All heavy atoms as atom14 arrays in JSON, in Angstrom:
{
  "sequence": "GVPFGYDRWRRIGVFREPVPRLWSVYHYCQTVEGLGTAAWRERMFKAF",
  "atom14_mask": [
    [1, 1, 1, 1, 0, 0, 0, 0, 0, 0, 0, 0, 0, 0],
    [1, 1, 1, 1, 1, 1, 1, 0, 0, 0, 0, 0, 0, 0],
    [1, 1, 1, 1, 1, 1, 1, 0, 0, 0, 0, 0, 0, 0],
    [1, 1, 1, 1, 1, 1, 1, 1, 1, 1, 1, 0, 0, 0],
    [1, 1, 1, 1, 0, 0, 0, 0, 0, 0, 0, 0, 0, 0],
    [1, 1, 1, 1, 1, 1, 1, 1, 1, 1, 1, 1, 0, 0],
    [1, 1, 1, 1, 1, 1, 1, 1, 0, 0, 0, 0, 0, 0],
    [1, 1, 1, 1, 1, 1, 1, 1, 1, 1, 1, 0, 0, 0],
    [1, 1, 1, 1, 1, 1, 1, 1, 1, 1, 1, 1, 1, 1],
    [1, 1, 1, 1, 1, 1, 1, 1, 1, 1, 1, 0, 0, 0],
    [1, 1, 1, 1, 1, 1, 1, 1, 1, 1, 1, 0, 0, 0],
    [1, 1, 1, 1, 1, 1, 1, 1, 0, 0, 0, 0, 0, 0],
    [1, 1, 1, 1, 0, 0, 0, 0, 0, 0, 0, 0, 0, 0],
    [1, 1, 1, 1, 1, 1, 1, 0, 0, 0, 0, 0, 0, 0],
    [1, 1, 1, 1, 1, 1, 1, 1, 1, 1, 1, 0, 0, 0],
    [1, 1, 1, 1, 1, 1, 1, 1, 1, 1, 1, 0, 0, 0],
    [1, 1, 1, 1, 1, 1, 1, 1, 1, 0, 0, 0, 0, 0],
    [1, 1, 1, 1, 1, 1, 1, 0, 0, 0, 0, 0, 0, 0],
    [1, 1, 1, 1, 1, 1, 1, 0, 0, 0, 0, 0, 0, 0],
    [1, 1, 1, 1, 1, 1, 1, 0, 0, 0, 0, 0, 0, 0],
    [1, 1, 1, 1, 1, 1, 1, 1, 1, 1, 1, 0, 0, 0],
    [1, 1, 1, 1, 1, 1, 1, 1, 0, 0, 0, 0, 0, 0],
    [1, 1, 1, 1, 1, 1, 1, 1, 1, 1, 1, 1, 1, 1],
    [1, 1, 1, 1, 1, 1, 0, 0, 0, 0, 0, 0, 0, 0],
    [1, 1, 1, 1, 1, 1, 1, 0, 0, 0, 0, 0, 0, 0],
    [1, 1, 1, 1, 1, 1, 1, 1, 1, 1, 1, 1, 0, 0],
    [1, 1, 1, 1, 1, 1, 1, 1, 1, 1, 0, 0, 0, 0],
    [1, 1, 1, 1, 1, 1, 1, 1, 1, 1, 1, 1, 0, 0],
    [1, 1, 1, 1, 1, 1, 0, 0, 0, 0, 0, 0, 0, 0],
    [1, 1, 1, 1, 1, 1, 1, 1, 1, 0, 0, 0, 0, 0],
    [1, 1, 1, 1, 1, 1, 1, 0, 0, 0, 0, 0, 0, 0],
    [1, 1, 1, 1, 1, 1, 1, 0, 0, 0, 0, 0, 0, 0],
    [1, 1, 1, 1, 1, 1, 1, 1, 1, 0, 0, 0, 0, 0],
    [1, 1, 1, 1, 0, 0, 0, 0, 0, 0, 0, 0, 0, 0],
    [1, 1, 1, 1, 1, 1, 1, 1, 0, 0, 0, 0, 0, 0],
    [1, 1, 1, 1, 0, 0, 0, 0, 0, 0, 0, 0, 0, 0],
    [1, 1, 1, 1, 1, 1, 1, 0, 0, 0, 0, 0, 0, 0],
    [1, 1, 1, 1, 1, 0, 0, 0, 0, 0, 0, 0, 0, 0],
    [1, 1, 1, 1, 1, 0, 0, 0, 0, 0, 0, 0, 0, 0],
    [1, 1, 1, 1, 1, 1, 1, 1, 1, 1, 1, 1, 1, 1],
    [1, 1, 1, 1, 1, 1, 1, 1, 1, 1, 1, 0, 0, 0],
    [1, 1, 1, 1, 1, 1, 1, 1, 1, 0, 0, 0, 0, 0],
    [1, 1, 1, 1, 1, 1, 1, 1, 1, 1, 1, 0, 0, 0],
    [1, 1, 1, 1, 1, 1, 1, 1, 0, 0, 0, 0, 0, 0],
    [1, 1, 1, 1, 1, 1, 1, 1, 1, 1, 1, 0, 0, 0],
    [1, 1, 1, 1, 1, 1, 1, 1, 1, 0, 0, 0, 0, 0],
    [1, 1, 1, 1, 1, 0, 0, 0, 0, 0, 0, 0, 0, 0],
    [1, 1, 1, 1, 1, 1, 1, 1, 1, 1, 1, 0, 0, 0]
  ],
  "atom14_positions": [
    [[45.14, 1.44, 33.76], [44.3, 0.39, 33.55], [44.53, -0.37, 32.28], [43.72, -1.2, 31.78], [0.0, 0.0, 0.0], [0.0, 0.0, 0.0], [0.0, 0.0, 0.0], [0.0, 0.0, 0.0], [0.0, 0.0, 0.0], [0.0, 0.0, 0.0], [0.0, 0.0, 0.0], [0.0, 0.0, 0.0], [0.0, 0.0, 0.0], [0.0, 0.0, 0.0]],
    [[45.81, -0.17, 31.61], [46.15, -0.91, 30.45], [46.16, -2.48, 30.81], [46.75, -2.83, 31.78], [47.53, -0.51, 29.9], [48.02, -1.4, 28.69], [47.51, 0.93, 29.46], [0.0, 0.0, 0.0], [0.0, 0.0, 0.0], [0.0, 0.0, 0.0], [0.0, 0.0, 0.0], [0.0, 0.0, 0.0], [0.0, 0.0, 0.0], [0.0, 0.0, 0.0]],
    [[45.49, -3.26, 30.01], [45.41, -4.63, 30.3], [46.81, -5.31, 30.42], [47.71, -4.95, 29.73], [44.57, -5.25, 29.08], [43.84, -4.2, 28.65], [44.68, -2.95, 28.83], [0.0, 0.0, 0.0], [0.0, 0.0, 0.0], [0.0, 0.0, 0.0], [0.0, 0.0, 0.0], [0.0, 0.0, 0.0], [0.0, 0.0, 0.0], [0.0, 0.0, 0.0]],
    [[46.88, -6.35, 31.32], [48.18, -7.07, 31.48], [48.61, -7.63, 30.16], [47.93, -8.18, 29.37], [47.98, -8.17, 32.42], [49.2, -9.04, 32.64], [50.23, -8.5, 33.45], [49.32, -10.22, 32.05], [51.4, -9.3, 33.59], [50.47, -11.06, 32.24], [51.54, -10.56, 32.95], [0.0, 0.0, 0.0], [0.0, 0.0, 0.0], [0.0, 0.0, 0.0]],
    [[49.9, -7.51, 30.02], [50.52, -7.92, 28.69], [50.68, -6.85, 27.73], [51.86, -6.73, 27.11], [0.0, 0.0, 0.0], [0.0, 0.0, 0.0], [0.0, 0.0, 0.0], [0.0, 0.0, 0.0], [0.0, 0.0, 0.0], [0.0, 0.0, 0.0], [0.0, 0.0, 0.0], [0.0, 0.0, 0.0], [0.0, 0.0, 0.0], [0.0, 0.0, 0.0]],
    [[49.78, -5.94, 27.6], [49.87, -4.84, 26.66], [50.56, -3.59, 27.38], [50.95, -2.67, 26.68], [48.43, -4.35, 26.16], [47.81, -5.49, 25.45], [46.83, -6.2, 25.98], [48.12, -5.71, 24.13], [46.11, -7.24, 25.37], [47.48, -6.73, 23.39], [46.46, -7.47, 24.03], [45.79, -8.51, 23.37], [0.0, 0.0, 0.0], [0.0, 0.0, 0.0]],
    [[50.7, -3.74, 28.7], [51.35, -2.57, 29.39], [52.86, -2.51, 29.14], [53.57, -1.49, 29.52], [51.18, -2.84, 30.93], [51.58, -4.18, 31.44], [52.01, -5.08, 30.67], [51.57, -4.42, 32.65], [0.0, 0.0, 0.0], [0.0, 0.0, 0.0], [0.0, 0.0, 0.0], [0.0, 0.0, 0.0], [0.0, 0.0, 0.0], [0.0, 0.0, 0.0]],
    [[53.46, -3.39, 28.35], [54.92, -3.35, 27.93], [55.04, -2.53, 26.68], [56.23, -2.26, 26.26], [55.6, -4.71, 27.87], [55.65, -5.42, 29.26], [56.13, -6.8, 28.93], [56.26, -7.57, 30.32], [57.43, -7.63, 31.01], [58.52, -7.0, 30.43], [57.4, -8.25, 32.09], [0.0, 0.0, 0.0], [0.0, 0.0, 0.0], [0.0, 0.0, 0.0]],
    [[53.94, -2.32, 26.04], [54.06, -1.58, 24.67], [54.07, -0.13, 24.81], [53.88, 0.34, 25.88], [52.83, -2.03, 23.78], [52.82, -3.51, 23.3], [53.79, -4.35, 23.46], [51.8, -4.04, 22.51], [53.44, -5.53, 22.8], [52.25, -5.32, 22.22], [50.53, -3.61, 21.96], [51.64, -6.21, 21.47], [49.82, -4.5, 21.2], [50.25, -5.88, 21.03]],
    [[54.46, 0.52, 23.76], [54.58, 2.0, 23.65], [53.18, 2.5, 24.0], [52.13, 2.04, 23.47], [54.98, 2.41, 22.35], [55.13, 3.96, 22.13], [55.51, 4.32, 20.73], [55.64, 5.75, 20.55], [55.93, 6.24, 19.41], [55.91, 5.52, 18.34], [56.05, 7.58, 19.32], [0.0, 0.0, 0.0], [0.0, 0.0, 0.0], [0.0, 0.0, 0.0]],
    [[53.09, 3.54, 24.99], [51.77, 4.12, 25.33], [51.87, 5.68, 24.89], [52.78, 6.35, 25.22], [51.61, 4.03, 26.73], [51.42, 2.59, 27.2], [50.85, 2.51, 28.65], [51.95, 3.04, 29.56], [52.85, 2.46, 30.2], [52.96, 1.09, 29.98], [53.71, 3.0, 31.03], [0.0, 0.0, 0.0], [0.0, 0.0, 0.0], [0.0, 0.0, 0.0]],
    [[50.76, 6.06, 24.17], [50.69, 7.47, 23.93], [49.33, 7.88, 24.36], [48.33, 7.36, 24.11], [50.76, 7.63, 22.3], [52.13, 7.27, 21.68], [50.44, 9.12, 21.92], [52.26, 7.33, 20.26], [0.0, 0.0, 0.0], [0.0, 0.0, 0.0], [0.0, 0.0, 0.0], [0.0, 0.0, 0.0], [0.0, 0.0, 0.0], [0.0, 0.0, 0.0]],
    [[49.44, 9.1, 25.03], [48.16, 9.66, 25.52], [47.91, 10.89, 24.74], [48.76, 11.71, 24.34], [0.0, 0.0, 0.0], [0.0, 0.0, 0.0], [0.0, 0.0, 0.0], [0.0, 0.0, 0.0], [0.0, 0.0, 0.0], [0.0, 0.0, 0.0], [0.0, 0.0, 0.0], [0.0, 0.0, 0.0], [0.0, 0.0, 0.0], [0.0, 0.0, 0.0]],
    [[46.63, 11.01, 24.34], [46.14, 12.22, 23.54], [45.81, 13.36, 24.48], [44.99, 13.34, 25.31], [45.01, 11.79, 22.68], [44.55, 12.99, 21.76], [45.23, 10.53, 21.95], [0.0, 0.0, 0.0], [0.0, 0.0, 0.0], [0.0, 0.0, 0.0], [0.0, 0.0, 0.0], [0.0, 0.0, 0.0], [0.0, 0.0, 0.0], [0.0, 0.0, 0.0]],
    [[46.51, 14.51, 24.13], [46.3, 15.71, 24.93], [45.51, 16.73, 24.2], [45.63, 16.9, 23.01], [47.74, 16.3, 25.35], [47.65, 17.58, 26.12], [47.65, 17.57, 27.55], [47.63, 18.83, 25.57], [47.5, 18.69, 28.31], [47.61, 20.01, 26.22], [47.48, 19.89, 27.65], [0.0, 0.0, 0.0], [0.0, 0.0, 0.0], [0.0, 0.0, 0.0]],
    [[44.67, 17.46, 25.07], [43.91, 18.58, 24.53], [43.89, 19.65, 25.6], [43.75, 19.42, 26.78], [42.46, 18.15, 24.15], [41.61, 19.24, 23.45], [40.26, 18.75, 23.01], [39.51, 19.76, 22.29], [38.34, 19.61, 21.94], [37.65, 18.5, 22.18], [37.63, 20.65, 21.33], [0.0, 0.0, 0.0], [0.0, 0.0, 0.0], [0.0, 0.0, 0.0]],
    [[43.92, 20.82, 25.13], [43.91, 22.02, 26.03], [42.72, 21.92, 27.02], [41.62, 21.52, 26.5], [43.82, 23.37, 25.3], [45.08, 23.7, 24.57], [45.01, 24.93, 23.82], [44.94, 26.04, 24.58], [45.02, 25.04, 22.58], [0.0, 0.0, 0.0], [0.0, 0.0, 0.0], [0.0, 0.0, 0.0], [0.0, 0.0, 0.0], [0.0, 0.0, 0.0]],
    [[42.84, 22.2, 28.3], [41.78, 21.94, 29.25], [40.49, 22.74, 29.0], [39.36, 22.2, 29.17], [42.38, 22.31, 30.6], [43.61, 23.19, 30.16], [44.12, 22.78, 28.96], [0.0, 0.0, 0.0], [0.0, 0.0, 0.0], [0.0, 0.0, 0.0], [0.0, 0.0, 0.0], [0.0, 0.0, 0.0], [0.0, 0.0, 0.0], [0.0, 0.0, 0.0]],
    [[40.48, 24.01, 28.78], [39.3, 24.69, 28.51], [38.59, 24.25, 27.27], [37.22, 23.94, 27.46], [39.49, 26.31, 28.43], [38.18, 27.01, 28.13], [40.09, 26.71, 29.84], [0.0, 0.0, 0.0], [0.0, 0.0, 0.0], [0.0, 0.0, 0.0], [0.0, 0.0, 0.0], [0.0, 0.0, 0.0], [0.0, 0.0, 0.0], [0.0, 0.0, 0.0]],
    [[39.11, 24.16, 26.17], [38.32, 23.57, 24.97], [37.82, 22.16, 25.27], [36.71, 21.76, 24.83], [39.37, 23.67, 23.83], [40.26, 24.68, 24.19], [40.36, 24.66, 25.71], [0.0, 0.0, 0.0], [0.0, 0.0, 0.0], [0.0, 0.0, 0.0], [0.0, 0.0, 0.0], [0.0, 0.0, 0.0], [0.0, 0.0, 0.0], [0.0, 0.0, 0.0]],
    [[38.63, 21.29, 25.96], [38.2, 19.87, 26.14], [36.98, 20.01, 27.1], [35.92, 19.27, 26.82], [39.27, 19.12, 26.84], [38.87, 17.68, 26.9], [39.94, 16.8, 27.54], [39.99, 16.8, 28.91], [39.21, 16.04, 29.77], [38.31, 15.21, 29.28], [39.29, 16.23, 31.07], [0.0, 0.0, 0.0], [0.0, 0.0, 0.0], [0.0, 0.0, 0.0]],
    [[37.02, 20.7, 28.17], [35.86, 20.75, 29.09], [34.62, 21.42, 28.5], [33.51, 21.01, 28.71], [36.3, 21.5, 30.39], [37.38, 20.74, 31.19], [37.88, 21.54, 32.27], [36.71, 19.42, 31.86], [0.0, 0.0, 0.0], [0.0, 0.0, 0.0], [0.0, 0.0, 0.0], [0.0, 0.0, 0.0], [0.0, 0.0, 0.0], [0.0, 0.0, 0.0]],
    [[34.88, 22.39, 27.63], [33.85, 23.06, 26.92], [33.15, 22.05, 26.03], [31.91, 22.03, 25.88], [34.38, 24.2, 26.16], [33.53, 24.99, 25.32], [33.32, 24.86, 23.92], [32.61, 26.03, 25.61], [32.43, 25.79, 23.34], [32.0, 26.58, 24.41], [32.24, 26.65, 26.88], [30.95, 27.58, 24.52], [31.26, 27.61, 26.86], [30.65, 28.13, 25.77]],
    [[33.97, 21.19, 25.35], [33.39, 20.13, 24.45], [32.61, 19.11, 25.2], [31.61, 18.68, 24.75], [34.59, 19.57, 23.58], [34.06, 18.59, 22.7], [0.0, 0.0, 0.0], [0.0, 0.0, 0.0], [0.0, 0.0, 0.0], [0.0, 0.0, 0.0], [0.0, 0.0, 0.0], [0.0, 0.0, 0.0], [0.0, 0.0, 0.0], [0.0, 0.0, 0.0]],
    [[33.2, 18.72, 26.34], [32.46, 17.72, 27.29], [31.14, 18.3, 27.6], [30.06, 17.69, 27.58], [33.3, 17.49, 28.56], [32.31, 16.76, 29.52], [34.58, 16.68, 28.28], [0.0, 0.0, 0.0], [0.0, 0.0, 0.0], [0.0, 0.0, 0.0], [0.0, 0.0, 0.0], [0.0, 0.0, 0.0], [0.0, 0.0, 0.0], [0.0, 0.0, 0.0]],
    [[31.05, 19.53, 28.05], [29.9, 20.27, 28.53], [28.79, 20.26, 27.38], [27.67, 19.91, 27.61], [30.19, 21.64, 28.9], [29.04, 22.55, 29.15], [28.39, 22.46, 30.37], [28.74, 23.56, 28.23], [27.29, 23.39, 30.61], [27.66, 24.43, 28.53], [26.99, 24.26, 29.69], [25.87, 25.21, 29.97], [0.0, 0.0, 0.0], [0.0, 0.0, 0.0]],
    [[29.14, 20.66, 26.17], [28.18, 20.7, 25.03], [27.85, 19.34, 24.49], [26.6, 19.06, 24.23], [28.76, 21.63, 23.94], [28.69, 23.05, 24.27], [27.49, 23.76, 24.04], [29.53, 23.98, 24.72], [27.71, 25.06, 24.4], [28.96, 25.17, 24.86], [0.0, 0.0, 0.0], [0.0, 0.0, 0.0], [0.0, 0.0, 0.0], [0.0, 0.0, 0.0]],
    [[28.78, 18.45, 24.42], [28.45, 17.13, 23.91], [27.43, 16.46, 24.78], [26.53, 15.77, 24.36], [29.82, 16.35, 23.8], [29.51, 14.93, 23.39], [29.29, 14.6, 22.08], [29.6, 13.83, 24.28], [29.13, 13.25, 21.63], [29.35, 12.56, 23.8], [29.11, 12.27, 22.5], [28.97, 10.96, 22.12], [0.0, 0.0, 0.0], [0.0, 0.0, 0.0]],
    [[27.61, 16.55, 26.16], [26.73, 15.82, 27.02], [25.36, 16.44, 27.17], [24.41, 15.82, 27.62], [27.45, 15.83, 28.51], [28.8, 14.64, 28.5], [0.0, 0.0, 0.0], [0.0, 0.0, 0.0], [0.0, 0.0, 0.0], [0.0, 0.0, 0.0], [0.0, 0.0, 0.0], [0.0, 0.0, 0.0], [0.0, 0.0, 0.0], [0.0, 0.0, 0.0]],
    [[25.2, 17.61, 26.62], [23.88, 18.21, 26.53], [23.12, 17.74, 25.41], [21.85, 17.84, 25.34], [23.97, 19.72, 26.51], [24.43, 20.45, 27.67], [24.5, 21.97, 27.55], [24.92, 22.42, 26.46], [24.19, 22.67, 28.55], [0.0, 0.0, 0.0], [0.0, 0.0, 0.0], [0.0, 0.0, 0.0], [0.0, 0.0, 0.0], [0.0, 0.0, 0.0]],
    [[23.79, 17.14, 24.33], [23.03, 16.71, 23.11], [23.12, 15.3, 22.82], [22.63, 14.82, 21.84], [23.62, 17.53, 21.92], [24.99, 17.24, 21.81], [23.43, 19.04, 22.15], [0.0, 0.0, 0.0], [0.0, 0.0, 0.0], [0.0, 0.0, 0.0], [0.0, 0.0, 0.0], [0.0, 0.0, 0.0], [0.0, 0.0, 0.0], [0.0, 0.0, 0.0]],
    [[23.89, 14.49, 23.65], [24.17, 13.09, 23.39], [22.74, 12.38, 23.29], [21.91, 12.47, 24.13], [25.13, 12.45, 24.37], [24.43, 12.38, 25.81], [25.54, 11.08, 23.89], [0.0, 0.0, 0.0], [0.0, 0.0, 0.0], [0.0, 0.0, 0.0], [0.0, 0.0, 0.0], [0.0, 0.0, 0.0], [0.0, 0.0, 0.0], [0.0, 0.0, 0.0]],
    [[22.74, 11.46, 22.33], [21.56, 10.58, 22.12], [21.92, 9.14, 21.81], [22.97, 8.91, 21.21], [20.69, 11.08, 20.85], [20.09, 12.48, 21.17], [19.29, 12.92, 20.0], [19.19, 12.22, 19.03], [18.91, 14.14, 19.98], [0.0, 0.0, 0.0], [0.0, 0.0, 0.0], [0.0, 0.0, 0.0], [0.0, 0.0, 0.0], [0.0, 0.0, 0.0]],
    [[21.2, 8.23, 22.3], [21.43, 6.8, 21.97], [22.44, 6.1, 22.66], [22.8, 4.96, 22.49], [0.0, 0.0, 0.0], [0.0, 0.0, 0.0], [0.0, 0.0, 0.0], [0.0, 0.0, 0.0], [0.0, 0.0, 0.0], [0.0, 0.0, 0.0], [0.0, 0.0, 0.0], [0.0, 0.0, 0.0], [0.0, 0.0, 0.0], [0.0, 0.0, 0.0]],
    [[23.16, 6.83, 23.73], [24.2, 6.2, 24.49], [23.66, 6.03, 25.95], [22.73, 6.67, 26.5], [25.41, 7.11, 24.65], [26.09, 7.36, 23.34], [27.25, 8.33, 23.61], [26.61, 6.13, 22.61], [0.0, 0.0, 0.0], [0.0, 0.0, 0.0], [0.0, 0.0, 0.0], [0.0, 0.0, 0.0], [0.0, 0.0, 0.0], [0.0, 0.0, 0.0]],
    [[24.13, 4.85, 26.55], [23.76, 4.53, 27.97], [22.28, 4.17, 28.05], [21.6, 3.93, 27.08], [0.0, 0.0, 0.0], [0.0, 0.0, 0.0], [0.0, 0.0, 0.0], [0.0, 0.0, 0.0], [0.0, 0.0, 0.0], [0.0, 0.0, 0.0], [0.0, 0.0, 0.0], [0.0, 0.0, 0.0], [0.0, 0.0, 0.0], [0.0, 0.0, 0.0]],
    [[21.73, 4.21, 29.26], [20.34, 3.88, 29.5], [19.55, 5.21, 29.54], [20.19, 6.25, 29.75], [20.27, 3.13, 30.81], [20.66, 4.11, 31.94], [21.03, 1.85, 30.92], [0.0, 0.0, 0.0], [0.0, 0.0, 0.0], [0.0, 0.0, 0.0], [0.0, 0.0, 0.0], [0.0, 0.0, 0.0], [0.0, 0.0, 0.0], [0.0, 0.0, 0.0]],
    [[18.27, 5.14, 29.48], [17.41, 6.38, 29.54], [17.6, 6.98, 30.88], [17.66, 8.25, 31.02], [15.99, 5.91, 29.36], [0.0, 0.0, 0.0], [0.0, 0.0, 0.0], [0.0, 0.0, 0.0], [0.0, 0.0, 0.0], [0.0, 0.0, 0.0], [0.0, 0.0, 0.0], [0.0, 0.0, 0.0], [0.0, 0.0, 0.0], [0.0, 0.0, 0.0]],
    [[17.72, 6.23, 31.96], [17.98, 6.81, 33.29], [19.3, 7.59, 33.39], [19.3, 8.65, 34.06], [17.92, 5.68, 34.42], [0.0, 0.0, 0.0], [0.0, 0.0, 0.0], [0.0, 0.0, 0.0], [0.0, 0.0, 0.0], [0.0, 0.0, 0.0], [0.0, 0.0, 0.0], [0.0, 0.0, 0.0], [0.0, 0.0, 0.0], [0.0, 0.0, 0.0]],
    [[20.26, 7.01, 32.8], [21.66, 7.6, 32.78], [21.53, 9.01, 32.01], [22.05, 10.01, 32.43], [22.63, 6.76, 32.29], [24.07, 7.39, 32.1], [24.99, 7.52, 33.08], [24.55, 7.92, 30.91], [26.07, 8.12, 32.53], [25.92, 8.36, 31.31], [24.14, 8.08, 29.62], [26.74, 9.02, 30.35], [25.1, 8.68, 28.63], [26.34, 9.1, 29.02]],
    [[20.88, 8.94, 30.86], [20.74, 10.1, 29.99], [20.03, 11.29, 30.76], [20.33, 12.42, 30.73], [20.23, 9.81, 28.66], [21.08, 8.99, 27.73], [20.53, 8.98, 26.37], [19.24, 8.4, 26.25], [18.99, 7.14, 26.16], [20.05, 6.31, 26.06], [17.81, 6.65, 25.98], [0.0, 0.0, 0.0], [0.0, 0.0, 0.0], [0.0, 0.0, 0.0]],
    [[18.97, 10.8, 31.4], [18.16, 11.73, 32.14], [18.98, 12.47, 33.27], [18.93, 13.69, 33.51], [16.9, 11.09, 32.82], [15.97, 12.07, 33.55], [14.78, 11.46, 34.07], [14.55, 10.2, 33.8], [14.06, 12.08, 34.83], [0.0, 0.0, 0.0], [0.0, 0.0, 0.0], [0.0, 0.0, 0.0], [0.0, 0.0, 0.0], [0.0, 0.0, 0.0]],
    [[19.75, 11.65, 34.07], [20.59, 12.23, 35.07], [21.68, 13.22, 34.49], [21.99, 14.21, 35.03], [21.36, 11.12, 35.83], [20.43, 10.37, 36.83], [21.16, 9.51, 37.83], [22.07, 8.55, 37.18], [23.41, 8.51, 37.14], [24.08, 9.57, 37.68], [24.07, 7.6, 36.48], [0.0, 0.0, 0.0], [0.0, 0.0, 0.0], [0.0, 0.0, 0.0]],
    [[22.22, 12.75, 33.37], [23.19, 13.63, 32.64], [22.6, 14.93, 32.19], [23.3, 15.98, 32.44], [23.91, 12.89, 31.51], [25.0, 13.63, 30.91], [25.86, 12.65, 29.66], [24.63, 12.44, 28.48], [0.0, 0.0, 0.0], [0.0, 0.0, 0.0], [0.0, 0.0, 0.0], [0.0, 0.0, 0.0], [0.0, 0.0, 0.0], [0.0, 0.0, 0.0]],
    [[21.43, 14.9, 31.61], [20.91, 16.05, 31.11], [20.53, 17.12, 32.24], [20.87, 18.25, 32.09], [19.58, 15.86, 30.33], [19.89, 15.1, 29.01], [18.97, 14.17, 28.5], [21.02, 15.41, 28.17], [19.15, 13.55, 27.33], [21.24, 14.72, 27.08], [20.29, 13.84, 26.56], [0.0, 0.0, 0.0], [0.0, 0.0, 0.0], [0.0, 0.0, 0.0]],
    [[20.17, 16.54, 33.36], [19.95, 17.44, 34.45], [21.24, 18.0, 35.07], [21.3, 19.13, 35.46], [19.28, 16.7, 35.61], [17.81, 16.31, 35.35], [17.14, 15.46, 36.46], [15.7, 15.15, 36.18], [15.06, 14.39, 37.3], [0.0, 0.0, 0.0], [0.0, 0.0, 0.0], [0.0, 0.0, 0.0], [0.0, 0.0, 0.0], [0.0, 0.0, 0.0]],
    [[22.25, 17.18, 35.09], [23.55, 17.68, 35.6], [24.17, 18.67, 34.74], [24.92, 19.55, 35.2], [24.53, 16.46, 35.65], [0.0, 0.0, 0.0], [0.0, 0.0, 0.0], [0.0, 0.0, 0.0], [0.0, 0.0, 0.0], [0.0, 0.0, 0.0], [0.0, 0.0, 0.0], [0.0, 0.0, 0.0], [0.0, 0.0, 0.0], [0.0, 0.0, 0.0]],
    [[23.85, 18.74, 33.4], [24.51, 19.73, 32.49], [23.55, 20.79, 32.14], [23.89, 21.73, 31.34], [24.94, 19.04, 31.22], [26.15, 18.16, 31.37], [26.13, 16.95, 31.95], [27.43, 18.64, 30.97], [27.29, 16.17, 32.23], [28.51, 17.99, 31.16], [28.48, 16.74, 31.78], [0.0, 0.0, 0.0], [0.0, 0.0, 0.0], [0.0, 0.0, 0.0]]
  ]
}
């Protein structure tokens, strides 16, 4: 999904070990505040 024109530049992807990354996603999404809409946050809190 790199925008047209920038797709010719050097691309670097940031890697993190899968278990720590998913563990961080899980905990971060349980405590996130101020992002998205109230309805989105409510759905997310229920999902986690």
